[in-house]
Amino acid sequence: MEKNFTPEQIEMINRIVFAHIDRMNEKAAEIVEETERATHHELQENGIDMTDFSPANQSFLMVTLIQNLIDRVHGGDMTVAQRLITMEAKRLNVSVNE
């Protein structure tokens, strides 16, 4: 069933949805930062020297989050997984066929 929205409704929908996406992204960034801090703190408490060593750095944590989300979206359907990876490669203007 298709919905027909007025241009004003489309603008409102976009504004509301993207405002929530922005807040979601901010929360995700905060969670990544807190996870990094908490992990490093616990490692230090257990005698692991964190100098020049960052096993749970923000980049690593964000990649694991991305992997988890992609897995949740494709749910084991490799056609969907390939489509997701292809769309992201196009967005980044990179080739996945080396």
Protein backbone atom coordinates (compact mmCIF):
# COMPACT_ATOMS: atom_id res chain seq x y z
CA MET A 1 0.00 0.00 0.00
CA GLU A 2 1.49 3.30 -1.08
CA LYS A 3 1.11 6.44 0.96
CA ASN A 4 0.69 9.79 -0.72
CA PHE A 5 2.21 12.58 1.31
CA THR A 6 2.18 16.27 0.61
CA PRO A 7 5.54 18.01 0.19
CA GLU A 8 5.02 19.56 3.65
CA GLN A 9 4.43 16.14 5.20
CA ILE A 10 7.52 14.74 3.48
CA GLU A 11 9.58 17.63 4.87
CA MET A 12 8.19 17.03 8.36
CA ILE A 13 8.82 13.27 8.14
CA ASN A 14 12.41 13.85 7.01
CA ARG A 15 13.03 16.43 9.74
CA ILE A 16 11.69 14.18 12.51
CA VAL A 17 13.36 10.98 11.29
CA PHE A 18 16.77 12.58 10.74
CA ALA A 19 16.63 14.39 14.10
CA HIS A 20 16.15 11.00 15.76
CA ILE A 21 18.93 9.48 13.67
CA ASP A 22 21.25 12.28 14.78
CA ARG A 23 20.41 11.59 18.45
CA MET A 24 20.88 7.86 17.93
CA ASN A 25 24.32 8.45 16.40
CA GLU A 26 25.29 10.72 19.30
CA LYS A 27 24.25 8.04 21.80
CA ALA A 28 26.18 5.38 19.88
CA ALA A 29 29.32 7.56 19.96
CA GLU A 30 28.89 8.06 23.71
CA ILE A 31 28.49 4.30 24.23
CA VAL A 32 31.67 3.61 22.23
CA GLU A 33 33.62 6.17 24.27
CA GLU A 34 32.34 4.77 27.56
CA THR A 35 33.06 1.19 26.46
CA GLU A 36 36.64 2.17 25.61
CA ARG A 37 37.13 3.88 28.99
CA ALA A 38 35.54 1.06 30.99
CA THR A 39 37.47 -1.64 29.15
CA HIS A 40 40.80 0.12 29.58
CA HIS A 41 40.07 0.80 33.24
CA GLU A 42 39.26 -2.87 33.87
CA LEU A 43 42.36 -4.02 32.01
CA GLN A 44 44.53 -1.65 34.06
CA GLU A 45 42.91 -2.88 37.26
CA ASN A 46 43.92 -6.39 36.22
CA GLY A 47 47.55 -5.43 35.71
CA ILE A 48 47.58 -4.91 31.94
CA ASP A 49 49.88 -2.01 30.98
CA MET A 50 47.86 0.23 28.67
CA THR A 51 50.83 2.39 27.61
CA ASP A 52 51.03 2.31 23.80
CA PHE A 53 48.44 -0.49 23.77
CA SER A 54 44.78 0.03 23.07
CA PRO A 55 42.97 -3.28 22.43
CA ALA A 56 39.53 -1.71 22.75
CA ASN A 57 40.12 1.56 20.93
CA GLN A 58 37.21 3.48 19.45
CA SER A 59 37.97 2.47 15.85
CA PHE A 60 37.97 -1.23 16.77
CA LEU A 61 34.78 -0.86 18.78
CA MET A 62 33.00 1.00 15.97
CA VAL A 63 34.00 -1.66 13.43
CA THR A 64 32.66 -4.42 15.69
CA LEU A 65 29.43 -2.44 16.06
CA ILE A 66 29.15 -2.04 12.28
CA GLN A 67 29.76 -5.77 11.79
CA ASN A 68 27.07 -6.63 14.33
CA LEU A 69 24.56 -4.27 12.71
CA ILE A 70 25.27 -5.60 9.21
CA ASP A 71 24.80 -9.15 10.50
CA ARG A 72 21.49 -8.17 12.07
CA VAL A 73 20.28 -6.53 8.84
CA HIS A 74 21.14 -9.42 6.50
CA GLY A 75 20.17 -12.14 8.99
CA GLY A 76 22.20 -14.75 7.14
CA ASP A 77 20.92 -13.86 3.68
CA MET A 78 24.17 -13.51 1.74
CA THR A 79 22.43 -11.78 -1.17
CA VAL A 80 21.34 -9.03 1.18
CA ALA A 81 24.82 -8.98 2.76
CA GLN A 82 26.42 -8.55 -0.67
CA ARG A 83 23.97 -5.77 -1.53
CA LEU A 84 24.77 -3.95 1.74
CA ILE A 85 28.52 -4.19 1.19
CA THR A 86 28.16 -3.09 -2.44
CA MET A 87 26.03 -0.09 -1.47
CA GLU A 88 28.53 0.97 1.18
CA ALA A 89 31.46 0.55 -1.24
CA LYS A 90 29.68 2.76 -3.77
CA ARG A 91 28.96 5.36 -1.08
CA LEU A 92 32.66 5.43 -0.20
CA ASN A 93 33.69 5.27 -3.86
CA VAL A 94 35.89 2.21 -3.33
CA SER A 95 36.16 -1.08 -5.15
CA VAL A 96 35.52 -4.36 -3.37
CA ASN A 97 36.72 -6.40 -6.34
CA GLU A 98 40.49 -6.21 -6.03
